[in-house]
Amino acid sequence: ADRIDGTELEDDTPIFSSGLIDSFDMVDLVLFIEKEAGLEMQAAEITL
């Protein structure tokens, strides 16, 4: 919500393929998820 102004997000709302976030935002999103979920992701897992 802090990054996508005025867009209601449903579980199936495309956020990357629709252009709501870009590749820079995606990197930040991955870092956020790794931190919050305590995960370390591999590059191959970061897919649409």
All heavy atoms as atom14 arrays in JSON, in Angstrom:
{
  "sequence": "ADRIDGTELEDDTPIFSSGLIDSFDMVDLVLFIEKEAGLEMQAAEITL",
  "atom14_mask": [
    [1, 1, 1, 1, 1, 0, 0, 0, 0, 0, 0, 0, 0, 0],
    [1, 1, 1, 1, 1, 1, 1, 1, 0, 0, 0, 0, 0, 0],
    [1, 1, 1, 1, 1, 1, 1, 1, 1, 1, 1, 0, 0, 0],
    [1, 1, 1, 1, 1, 1, 1, 1, 0, 0, 0, 0, 0, 0],
    [1, 1, 1, 1, 1, 1, 1, 1, 0, 0, 0, 0, 0, 0],
    [1, 1, 1, 1, 0, 0, 0, 0, 0, 0, 0, 0, 0, 0],
    [1, 1, 1, 1, 1, 1, 1, 0, 0, 0, 0, 0, 0, 0],
    [1, 1, 1, 1, 1, 1, 1, 1, 1, 0, 0, 0, 0, 0],
    [1, 1, 1, 1, 1, 1, 1, 1, 0, 0, 0, 0, 0, 0],
    [1, 1, 1, 1, 1, 1, 1, 1, 1, 0, 0, 0, 0, 0],
    [1, 1, 1, 1, 1, 1, 1, 1, 0, 0, 0, 0, 0, 0],
    [1, 1, 1, 1, 1, 1, 1, 1, 0, 0, 0, 0, 0, 0],
    [1, 1, 1, 1, 1, 1, 1, 0, 0, 0, 0, 0, 0, 0],
    [1, 1, 1, 1, 1, 1, 1, 0, 0, 0, 0, 0, 0, 0],
    [1, 1, 1, 1, 1, 1, 1, 1, 0, 0, 0, 0, 0, 0],
    [1, 1, 1, 1, 1, 1, 1, 1, 1, 1, 1, 0, 0, 0],
    [1, 1, 1, 1, 1, 1, 0, 0, 0, 0, 0, 0, 0, 0],
    [1, 1, 1, 1, 1, 1, 0, 0, 0, 0, 0, 0, 0, 0],
    [1, 1, 1, 1, 0, 0, 0, 0, 0, 0, 0, 0, 0, 0],
    [1, 1, 1, 1, 1, 1, 1, 1, 0, 0, 0, 0, 0, 0],
    [1, 1, 1, 1, 1, 1, 1, 1, 0, 0, 0, 0, 0, 0],
    [1, 1, 1, 1, 1, 1, 1, 1, 0, 0, 0, 0, 0, 0],
    [1, 1, 1, 1, 1, 1, 0, 0, 0, 0, 0, 0, 0, 0],
    [1, 1, 1, 1, 1, 1, 1, 1, 1, 1, 1, 0, 0, 0],
    [1, 1, 1, 1, 1, 1, 1, 1, 0, 0, 0, 0, 0, 0],
    [1, 1, 1, 1, 1, 1, 1, 1, 0, 0, 0, 0, 0, 0],
    [1, 1, 1, 1, 1, 1, 1, 0, 0, 0, 0, 0, 0, 0],
    [1, 1, 1, 1, 1, 1, 1, 1, 0, 0, 0, 0, 0, 0],
    [1, 1, 1, 1, 1, 1, 1, 1, 0, 0, 0, 0, 0, 0],
    [1, 1, 1, 1, 1, 1, 1, 0, 0, 0, 0, 0, 0, 0],
    [1, 1, 1, 1, 1, 1, 1, 1, 0, 0, 0, 0, 0, 0],
    [1, 1, 1, 1, 1, 1, 1, 1, 1, 1, 1, 0, 0, 0],
    [1, 1, 1, 1, 1, 1, 1, 1, 0, 0, 0, 0, 0, 0],
    [1, 1, 1, 1, 1, 1, 1, 1, 1, 0, 0, 0, 0, 0],
    [1, 1, 1, 1, 1, 1, 1, 1, 1, 0, 0, 0, 0, 0],
    [1, 1, 1, 1, 1, 1, 1, 1, 1, 0, 0, 0, 0, 0],
    [1, 1, 1, 1, 1, 0, 0, 0, 0, 0, 0, 0, 0, 0],
    [1, 1, 1, 1, 0, 0, 0, 0, 0, 0, 0, 0, 0, 0],
    [1, 1, 1, 1, 1, 1, 1, 1, 0, 0, 0, 0, 0, 0],
    [1, 1, 1, 1, 1, 1, 1, 1, 1, 0, 0, 0, 0, 0],
    [1, 1, 1, 1, 1, 1, 1, 1, 0, 0, 0, 0, 0, 0],
    [1, 1, 1, 1, 1, 1, 1, 1, 1, 0, 0, 0, 0, 0],
    [1, 1, 1, 1, 1, 0, 0, 0, 0, 0, 0, 0, 0, 0],
    [1, 1, 1, 1, 1, 0, 0, 0, 0, 0, 0, 0, 0, 0],
    [1, 1, 1, 1, 1, 1, 1, 1, 1, 0, 0, 0, 0, 0],
    [1, 1, 1, 1, 1, 1, 1, 1, 0, 0, 0, 0, 0, 0],
    [1, 1, 1, 1, 1, 1, 1, 0, 0, 0, 0, 0, 0, 0],
    [1, 1, 1, 1, 1, 1, 1, 1, 0, 0, 0, 0, 0, 0]
  ],
  "atom14_positions": [
    [[0.83, -1.21, 0.0], [0.0, 0.0, 0.0], [0.86, 1.26, 0.0], [0.49, 2.27, -0.59], [-0.95, -0.01, 1.19], [0.0, 0.0, 0.0], [0.0, 0.0, 0.0], [0.0, 0.0, 0.0], [0.0, 0.0, 0.0], [0.0, 0.0, 0.0], [0.0, 0.0, 0.0], [0.0, 0.0, 0.0], [0.0, 0.0, 0.0], [0.0, 0.0, 0.0]],
    [[2.01, 1.19, 0.65], [2.93, 2.33, 0.66], [3.54, 2.59, -0.71], [4.01, 3.69, -0.98], [4.08, 2.1, 1.66], [3.64, 2.28, 3.1], [2.56, 2.86, 3.34], [4.38, 1.82, 3.99], [0.0, 0.0, 0.0], [0.0, 0.0, 0.0], [0.0, 0.0, 0.0], [0.0, 0.0, 0.0], [0.0, 0.0, 0.0], [0.0, 0.0, 0.0]],
    [[3.55, 1.58, -1.57], [4.2, 1.71, -2.87], [3.23, 1.8, -4.04], [3.6, 2.23, -5.13], [5.14, 0.53, -3.08], [6.41, 0.73, -2.29], [6.97, -0.55, -1.74], [8.11, -0.26, -0.89], [8.03, 0.07, 0.39], [6.87, 0.16, 0.98], [9.11, 0.31, 1.11], [0.0, 0.0, 0.0], [0.0, 0.0, 0.0], [0.0, 0.0, 0.0]],
    [[2.0, 1.38, -3.82], [1.0, 1.38, -4.89], [-0.12, 2.33, -4.48], [-1.0, 1.97, -3.72], [0.44, -0.04, -5.13], [1.57, -1.0, -5.47], [-0.61, -0.02, -6.22], [1.15, -2.45, -5.51], [0.0, 0.0, 0.0], [0.0, 0.0, 0.0], [0.0, 0.0, 0.0], [0.0, 0.0, 0.0], [0.0, 0.0, 0.0], [0.0, 0.0, 0.0]],
    [[-0.06, 3.52, -5.0], [-1.03, 4.55, -4.61], [-2.4, 4.3, -5.21], [-2.55, 4.15, -6.43], [-0.53, 5.93, -5.05], [0.74, 6.35, -4.33], [0.89, 5.97, -3.16], [1.56, 7.04, -4.94], [0.0, 0.0, 0.0], [0.0, 0.0, 0.0], [0.0, 0.0, 0.0], [0.0, 0.0, 0.0], [0.0, 0.0, 0.0], [0.0, 0.0, 0.0]],
    [[-3.41, 4.26, -4.34], [-4.79, 4.24, -4.78], [-5.29, 2.98, -5.46], [-6.37, 2.99, -6.02], [0.0, 0.0, 0.0], [0.0, 0.0, 0.0], [0.0, 0.0, 0.0], [0.0, 0.0, 0.0], [0.0, 0.0, 0.0], [0.0, 0.0, 0.0], [0.0, 0.0, 0.0], [0.0, 0.0, 0.0], [0.0, 0.0, 0.0], [0.0, 0.0, 0.0]],
    [[-4.56, 1.91, -5.41], [-4.99, 0.67, -6.04], [-5.42, -0.32, -4.97], [-4.67, -0.62, -4.05], [-3.84, 0.04, -6.87], [-3.44, 0.98, -7.87], [-4.29, -1.24, -7.54], [0.0, 0.0, 0.0], [0.0, 0.0, 0.0], [0.0, 0.0, 0.0], [0.0, 0.0, 0.0], [0.0, 0.0, 0.0], [0.0, 0.0, 0.0], [0.0, 0.0, 0.0]],
    [[-6.65, -0.79, -5.1], [-7.15, -1.83, -4.19], [-6.52, -3.16, -4.59], [-6.62, -3.56, -5.76], [-8.67, -1.93, -4.28], [-9.39, -0.75, -3.7], [-9.43, -0.77, -2.19], [-9.49, -1.87, -1.6], [-9.4, 0.32, -1.6], [0.0, 0.0, 0.0], [0.0, 0.0, 0.0], [0.0, 0.0, 0.0], [0.0, 0.0, 0.0], [0.0, 0.0, 0.0]],
    [[-5.88, -3.8, -3.66], [-5.25, -5.09, -3.97], [-6.12, -6.24, -3.51], [-6.51, -6.31, -2.36], [-3.89, -5.19, -3.28], [-2.75, -4.38, -3.85], [-1.49, -4.61, -3.04], [-2.51, -4.72, -5.3], [0.0, 0.0, 0.0], [0.0, 0.0, 0.0], [0.0, 0.0, 0.0], [0.0, 0.0, 0.0], [0.0, 0.0, 0.0], [0.0, 0.0, 0.0]],
    [[-6.41, -7.1, -4.44], [-7.06, -8.38, -4.14], [-5.96, -9.43, -4.21], [-4.86, -9.17, -4.68], [-8.15, -8.68, -5.18], [-9.24, -7.63, -5.25], [-10.11, -7.57, -4.01], [-10.26, -8.62, -3.35], [-10.62, -6.49, -3.69], [0.0, 0.0, 0.0], [0.0, 0.0, 0.0], [0.0, 0.0, 0.0], [0.0, 0.0, 0.0], [0.0, 0.0, 0.0]],
    [[-6.27, -10.64, -3.78], [-5.26, -11.7, -3.81], [-4.74, -11.99, -5.21], [-3.61, -12.42, -5.37], [-5.8, -12.99, -3.19], [-5.76, -12.97, -1.67], [-5.29, -11.96, -1.09], [-6.2, -13.95, -1.06], [0.0, 0.0, 0.0], [0.0, 0.0, 0.0], [0.0, 0.0, 0.0], [0.0, 0.0, 0.0], [0.0, 0.0, 0.0], [0.0, 0.0, 0.0]],
    [[-5.57, -11.75, -6.23], [-5.15, -12.07, -7.6], [-4.82, -10.84, -8.45], [-4.62, -10.96, -9.65], [-6.22, -12.92, -8.29], [-7.56, -12.19, -8.39], [-7.75, -11.14, -7.75], [-8.44, -12.7, -9.12], [0.0, 0.0, 0.0], [0.0, 0.0, 0.0], [0.0, 0.0, 0.0], [0.0, 0.0, 0.0], [0.0, 0.0, 0.0], [0.0, 0.0, 0.0]],
    [[-4.71, -9.66, -7.85], [-4.34, -8.46, -8.58], [-2.88, -8.56, -9.03], [-2.0, -8.7, -8.19], [-4.49, -7.2, -7.71], [-5.83, -7.1, -7.24], [-4.13, -5.94, -8.49], [0.0, 0.0, 0.0], [0.0, 0.0, 0.0], [0.0, 0.0, 0.0], [0.0, 0.0, 0.0], [0.0, 0.0, 0.0], [0.0, 0.0, 0.0], [0.0, 0.0, 0.0]],
    [[-2.62, -8.52, -10.35], [-1.23, -8.58, -10.8], [-0.5, -7.3, -10.37], [-0.97, -6.2, -10.65], [-1.33, -8.64, -12.32], [-2.77, -8.81, -12.65], [-3.55, -8.45, -11.45], [0.0, 0.0, 0.0], [0.0, 0.0, 0.0], [0.0, 0.0, 0.0], [0.0, 0.0, 0.0], [0.0, 0.0, 0.0], [0.0, 0.0, 0.0], [0.0, 0.0, 0.0]],
    [[0.6, -7.44, -9.69], [1.31, -6.25, -9.22], [2.54, -5.92, -10.07], [2.87, -4.76, -10.22], [1.69, -6.35, -7.73], [2.53, -7.57, -7.45], [0.44, -6.33, -6.86], [3.05, -7.66, -6.04], [0.0, 0.0, 0.0], [0.0, 0.0, 0.0], [0.0, 0.0, 0.0], [0.0, 0.0, 0.0], [0.0, 0.0, 0.0], [0.0, 0.0, 0.0]],
    [[3.17, -6.92, -10.62], [4.36, -6.67, -11.44], [4.01, -6.63, -12.92], [4.34, -5.67, -13.61], [5.44, -7.71, -11.16], [6.75, -7.41, -11.83], [7.56, -6.4, -11.37], [7.16, -8.14, -12.93], [8.77, -6.1, -12.0], [8.35, -7.86, -13.56], [9.16, -6.84, -13.1], [0.0, 0.0, 0.0], [0.0, 0.0, 0.0], [0.0, 0.0, 0.0]],
    [[3.32, -7.65, -13.4], [3.02, -7.71, -14.84], [2.08, -6.59, -15.28], [2.06, -6.23, -16.45], [2.44, -9.07, -15.22], [1.19, -9.28, -14.58], [0.0, 0.0, 0.0], [0.0, 0.0, 0.0], [0.0, 0.0, 0.0], [0.0, 0.0, 0.0], [0.0, 0.0, 0.0], [0.0, 0.0, 0.0], [0.0, 0.0, 0.0], [0.0, 0.0, 0.0]],
    [[1.34, -5.99, -14.34], [0.46, -4.88, -14.68], [1.16, -3.53, -14.59], [0.6, -2.51, -14.96], [-0.75, -4.87, -13.76], [-0.33, -4.55, -12.43], [0.0, 0.0, 0.0], [0.0, 0.0, 0.0], [0.0, 0.0, 0.0], [0.0, 0.0, 0.0], [0.0, 0.0, 0.0], [0.0, 0.0, 0.0], [0.0, 0.0, 0.0], [0.0, 0.0, 0.0]],
    [[2.38, -3.53, -14.07], [3.14, -2.29, -13.95], [2.91, -1.53, -12.66], [3.39, -0.4, -12.5], [0.0, 0.0, 0.0], [0.0, 0.0, 0.0], [0.0, 0.0, 0.0], [0.0, 0.0, 0.0], [0.0, 0.0, 0.0], [0.0, 0.0, 0.0], [0.0, 0.0, 0.0], [0.0, 0.0, 0.0], [0.0, 0.0, 0.0], [0.0, 0.0, 0.0]],
    [[2.19, -2.12, -11.7], [1.98, -1.44, -10.42], [3.29, -1.25, -9.66], [3.47, -0.27, -8.96], [0.97, -2.2, -9.55], [-0.47, -2.18, -10.03], [-1.34, -3.08, -9.16], [-1.02, -0.76, -10.04], [0.0, 0.0, 0.0], [0.0, 0.0, 0.0], [0.0, 0.0, 0.0], [0.0, 0.0, 0.0], [0.0, 0.0, 0.0], [0.0, 0.0, 0.0]],
    [[4.19, -2.22, -9.8], [5.54, -2.07, -9.26], [6.52, -2.39, -10.38], [6.21, -3.13, -11.31], [5.82, -2.93, -8.01], [5.75, -4.42, -8.32], [4.88, -2.57, -6.87], [6.22, -5.29, -7.17], [0.0, 0.0, 0.0], [0.0, 0.0, 0.0], [0.0, 0.0, 0.0], [0.0, 0.0, 0.0], [0.0, 0.0, 0.0], [0.0, 0.0, 0.0]],
    [[7.71, -1.81, -10.28], [8.72, -2.06, -11.31], [9.82, -2.95, -10.75], [9.74, -3.43, -9.62], [9.29, -0.74, -11.85], [9.96, 0.12, -10.79], [10.38, -0.42, -9.73], [10.08, 1.33, -11.01], [0.0, 0.0, 0.0], [0.0, 0.0, 0.0], [0.0, 0.0, 0.0], [0.0, 0.0, 0.0], [0.0, 0.0, 0.0], [0.0, 0.0, 0.0]],
    [[10.86, -3.15, -11.53], [11.92, -4.08, -11.12], [12.66, -3.6, -9.88], [13.1, -4.41, -9.06], [12.89, -4.33, -12.27], [13.44, -3.11, -12.73], [0.0, 0.0, 0.0], [0.0, 0.0, 0.0], [0.0, 0.0, 0.0], [0.0, 0.0, 0.0], [0.0, 0.0, 0.0], [0.0, 0.0, 0.0], [0.0, 0.0, 0.0], [0.0, 0.0, 0.0]],
    [[12.79, -2.29, -9.7], [13.44, -1.78, -8.5], [12.58, -2.06, -7.27], [13.09, -2.45, -6.22], [13.72, -0.27, -8.62], [14.71, 0.06, -9.69], [14.3, 0.65, -10.86], [16.05, -0.25, -9.53], [15.22, 0.95, -11.87], [16.97, 0.04, -10.52], [16.56, 0.64, -11.69], [0.0, 0.0, 0.0], [0.0, 0.0, 0.0], [0.0, 0.0, 0.0]],
    [[11.27, -1.86, -7.42], [10.35, -2.17, -6.32], [10.36, -3.67, -6.01], [10.22, -4.07, -4.86], [8.92, -1.75, -6.68], [8.76, -0.25, -6.78], [9.4, 0.48, -6.01], [7.97, 0.19, -7.65], [0.0, 0.0, 0.0], [0.0, 0.0, 0.0], [0.0, 0.0, 0.0], [0.0, 0.0, 0.0], [0.0, 0.0, 0.0], [0.0, 0.0, 0.0]],
    [[10.52, -4.49, -7.05], [10.54, -5.93, -6.85], [11.73, -6.34, -5.99], [11.6, -7.18, -5.11], [10.57, -6.67, -8.19], [10.56, -8.18, -8.05], [9.08, -8.84, -7.28], [8.03, -8.96, -8.7], [0.0, 0.0, 0.0], [0.0, 0.0, 0.0], [0.0, 0.0, 0.0], [0.0, 0.0, 0.0], [0.0, 0.0, 0.0], [0.0, 0.0, 0.0]],
    [[12.87, -5.74, -6.23], [14.06, -6.03, -5.41], [13.77, -5.68, -3.95], [14.05, -6.48, -3.04], [15.3, -5.27, -5.93], [16.46, -5.4, -4.97], [15.68, -5.76, -7.31], [0.0, 0.0, 0.0], [0.0, 0.0, 0.0], [0.0, 0.0, 0.0], [0.0, 0.0, 0.0], [0.0, 0.0, 0.0], [0.0, 0.0, 0.0], [0.0, 0.0, 0.0]],
    [[13.18, -4.51, -3.73], [12.84, -4.11, -2.35], [11.82, -5.06, -1.74], [11.91, -5.4, -0.56], [12.29, -2.68, -2.33], [13.36, -1.64, -2.61], [14.56, -1.94, -2.42], [12.99, -0.52, -3.03], [0.0, 0.0, 0.0], [0.0, 0.0, 0.0], [0.0, 0.0, 0.0], [0.0, 0.0, 0.0], [0.0, 0.0, 0.0], [0.0, 0.0, 0.0]],
    [[10.85, -5.49, -2.54], [9.83, -6.42, -2.06], [10.46, -7.74, -1.63], [10.14, -8.28, -0.57], [8.78, -6.66, -3.16], [7.71, -7.69, -2.87], [6.88, -7.3, -1.65], [6.81, -7.87, -4.1], [0.0, 0.0, 0.0], [0.0, 0.0, 0.0], [0.0, 0.0, 0.0], [0.0, 0.0, 0.0], [0.0, 0.0, 0.0], [0.0, 0.0, 0.0]],
    [[11.36, -8.25, -2.44], [12.04, -9.51, -2.1], [12.82, -9.36, -0.8], [12.76, -10.22, 0.08], [12.96, -9.97, -3.25], [13.88, -11.1, -2.81], [12.12, -10.39, -4.45], [0.0, 0.0, 0.0], [0.0, 0.0, 0.0], [0.0, 0.0, 0.0], [0.0, 0.0, 0.0], [0.0, 0.0, 0.0], [0.0, 0.0, 0.0], [0.0, 0.0, 0.0]],
    [[13.53, -8.26, -0.64], [14.29, -8.02, 0.59], [13.35, -7.93, 1.8], [13.64, -8.46, 2.88], [15.13, -6.75, 0.47], [16.26, -6.82, -0.55], [16.92, -5.45, -0.71], [17.29, -7.87, -0.16], [0.0, 0.0, 0.0], [0.0, 0.0, 0.0], [0.0, 0.0, 0.0], [0.0, 0.0, 0.0], [0.0, 0.0, 0.0], [0.0, 0.0, 0.0]],
    [[12.21, -7.26, 1.62], [11.22, -7.15, 2.69], [10.7, -8.54, 3.09], [10.63, -8.86, 4.27], [10.05, -6.26, 2.22], [8.88, -6.26, 3.15], [8.9, -5.48, 4.3], [7.77, -7.05, 2.89], [7.81, -5.49, 5.17], [6.69, -7.06, 3.75], [6.71, -6.27, 4.89], [0.0, 0.0, 0.0], [0.0, 0.0, 0.0], [0.0, 0.0, 0.0]],
    [[10.36, -9.35, 2.11], [9.83, -10.69, 2.39], [10.88, -11.55, 3.06], [10.58, -12.28, 4.02], [9.31, -11.36, 1.1], [8.09, -10.59, 0.59], [8.98, -12.83, 1.32], [7.68, -10.95, -0.82], [0.0, 0.0, 0.0], [0.0, 0.0, 0.0], [0.0, 0.0, 0.0], [0.0, 0.0, 0.0], [0.0, 0.0, 0.0], [0.0, 0.0, 0.0]],
    [[12.12, -11.49, 2.58], [13.19, -12.27, 3.22], [13.32, -11.89, 4.7], [13.44, -12.77, 5.56], [14.51, -12.03, 2.5], [14.62, -12.76, 1.18], [15.97, -12.57, 0.52], [16.59, -11.48, 0.67], [16.43, -13.51, -0.13], [0.0, 0.0, 0.0], [0.0, 0.0, 0.0], [0.0, 0.0, 0.0], [0.0, 0.0, 0.0], [0.0, 0.0, 0.0]],
    [[13.28, -10.6, 4.97], [13.43, -10.14, 6.35], [12.24, -10.55, 7.21], [12.41, -11.12, 8.29], [13.58, -8.62, 6.37], [13.71, -8.05, 7.76], [13.8, -6.55, 7.73], [13.81, -6.03, 9.16], [13.28, -4.68, 9.24], [0.0, 0.0, 0.0], [0.0, 0.0, 0.0], [0.0, 0.0, 0.0], [0.0, 0.0, 0.0], [0.0, 0.0, 0.0]],
    [[11.03, -10.27, 6.74], [9.83, -10.53, 7.52], [9.54, -12.02, 7.71], [9.06, -12.42, 8.76], [8.62, -9.84, 6.89], [8.65, -8.34, 6.98], [8.65, -7.82, 8.41], [7.91, -8.36, 9.26], [9.41, -6.87, 8.67], [0.0, 0.0, 0.0], [0.0, 0.0, 0.0], [0.0, 0.0, 0.0], [0.0, 0.0, 0.0], [0.0, 0.0, 0.0]],
    [[9.82, -12.82, 6.68], [9.52, -14.25, 6.75], [10.72, -15.07, 7.2], [10.59, -16.27, 7.43], [9.04, -14.75, 5.39], [0.0, 0.0, 0.0], [0.0, 0.0, 0.0], [0.0, 0.0, 0.0], [0.0, 0.0, 0.0], [0.0, 0.0, 0.0], [0.0, 0.0, 0.0], [0.0, 0.0, 0.0], [0.0, 0.0, 0.0], [0.0, 0.0, 0.0]],
    [[11.88, -14.43, 7.32], [13.07, -15.15, 7.72], [13.54, -16.14, 6.67], [14.02, -17.22, 7.01], [0.0, 0.0, 0.0], [0.0, 0.0, 0.0], [0.0, 0.0, 0.0], [0.0, 0.0, 0.0], [0.0, 0.0, 0.0], [0.0, 0.0, 0.0], [0.0, 0.0, 0.0], [0.0, 0.0, 0.0], [0.0, 0.0, 0.0], [0.0, 0.0, 0.0]],
    [[13.38, -15.77, 5.42], [13.76, -16.65, 4.31], [14.96, -16.08, 3.57], [15.18, -14.88, 3.57], [12.61, -16.77, 3.31], [11.3, -17.35, 3.8], [10.26, -17.26, 2.7], [11.48, -18.78, 4.25], [0.0, 0.0, 0.0], [0.0, 0.0, 0.0], [0.0, 0.0, 0.0], [0.0, 0.0, 0.0], [0.0, 0.0, 0.0], [0.0, 0.0, 0.0]],
    [[15.68, -16.96, 2.91], [16.72, -16.53, 1.97], [16.34, -17.13, 0.63], [16.28, -18.35, 0.49], [18.09, -17.03, 2.42], [19.2, -16.49, 1.55], [20.57, -16.87, 2.07], [20.78, -16.84, 3.3], [21.42, -17.21, 1.23], [0.0, 0.0, 0.0], [0.0, 0.0, 0.0], [0.0, 0.0, 0.0], [0.0, 0.0, 0.0], [0.0, 0.0, 0.0]],
    [[16.04, -16.27, -0.32], [15.57, -16.74, -1.62], [16.7, -16.83, -2.63], [17.65, -16.05, -2.58], [14.49, -15.8, -2.14], [13.21, -15.91, -1.36], [11.97, -14.83, -2.02], [11.86, -13.66, -0.67], [0.0, 0.0, 0.0], [0.0, 0.0, 0.0], [0.0, 0.0, 0.0], [0.0, 0.0, 0.0], [0.0, 0.0, 0.0], [0.0, 0.0, 0.0]],
    [[16.54, -17.76, -3.54], [17.45, -17.91, -4.66], [16.88, -17.13, -5.84], [15.67, -16.99, -5.98], [17.6, -19.39, -5.03], [18.08, -20.26, -3.89], [19.45, -19.84, -3.38], [20.37, -19.62, -4.16], [19.57, -19.7, -2.08], [0.0, 0.0, 0.0], [0.0, 0.0, 0.0], [0.0, 0.0, 0.0], [0.0, 0.0, 0.0], [0.0, 0.0, 0.0]],
    [[17.75, -16.67, -6.71], [17.31, -15.88, -7.87], [16.29, -16.65, -8.71], [15.33, -16.05, -9.23], [18.51, -15.49, -8.71], [0.0, 0.0, 0.0], [0.0, 0.0, 0.0], [0.0, 0.0, 0.0], [0.0, 0.0, 0.0], [0.0, 0.0, 0.0], [0.0, 0.0, 0.0], [0.0, 0.0, 0.0], [0.0, 0.0, 0.0], [0.0, 0.0, 0.0]],
    [[16.45, -17.94, -8.84], [15.53, -18.75, -9.66], [14.11, -18.78, -9.09], [13.16, -19.08, -9.81], [16.07, -20.16, -9.79], [0.0, 0.0, 0.0], [0.0, 0.0, 0.0], [0.0, 0.0, 0.0], [0.0, 0.0, 0.0], [0.0, 0.0, 0.0], [0.0, 0.0, 0.0], [0.0, 0.0, 0.0], [0.0, 0.0, 0.0], [0.0, 0.0, 0.0]],
    [[13.95, -18.48, -7.82], [12.63, -18.49, -7.18], [11.86, -17.19, -7.42], [10.66, -17.13, -7.22], [12.76, -18.71, -5.68], [13.33, -20.04, -5.31], [13.58, -20.18, -3.83], [14.2, -19.28, -3.23], [13.11, -21.19, -3.27], [0.0, 0.0, 0.0], [0.0, 0.0, 0.0], [0.0, 0.0, 0.0], [0.0, 0.0, 0.0], [0.0, 0.0, 0.0]],
    [[12.56, -16.15, -7.84], [11.94, -14.84, -8.0], [11.37, -14.76, -9.42], [12.01, -14.27, -10.34], [12.95, -13.72, -7.7], [13.51, -13.93, -6.31], [12.29, -12.35, -7.84], [14.71, -13.09, -5.98], [0.0, 0.0, 0.0], [0.0, 0.0, 0.0], [0.0, 0.0, 0.0], [0.0, 0.0, 0.0], [0.0, 0.0, 0.0], [0.0, 0.0, 0.0]],
    [[10.15, -15.27, -9.55], [9.48, -15.35, -10.84], [8.08, -14.77, -10.72], [7.57, -14.56, -9.62], [9.35, -16.82, -11.29], [8.5, -17.51, -10.35], [10.7, -17.51, -11.37], [0.0, 0.0, 0.0], [0.0, 0.0, 0.0], [0.0, 0.0, 0.0], [0.0, 0.0, 0.0], [0.0, 0.0, 0.0], [0.0, 0.0, 0.0], [0.0, 0.0, 0.0]],
    [[7.45, -14.52, -11.87], [6.06, -14.06, -11.85], [5.15, -15.11, -11.22], [4.17, -14.77, -10.58], [5.58, -13.74, -13.27], [6.14, -12.46, -13.88], [5.6, -12.28, -15.29], [5.82, -11.25, -13.03], [0.0, 0.0, 0.0], [0.0, 0.0, 0.0], [0.0, 0.0, 0.0], [0.0, 0.0, 0.0], [0.0, 0.0, 0.0], [0.0, 0.0, 0.0]]
  ]
}
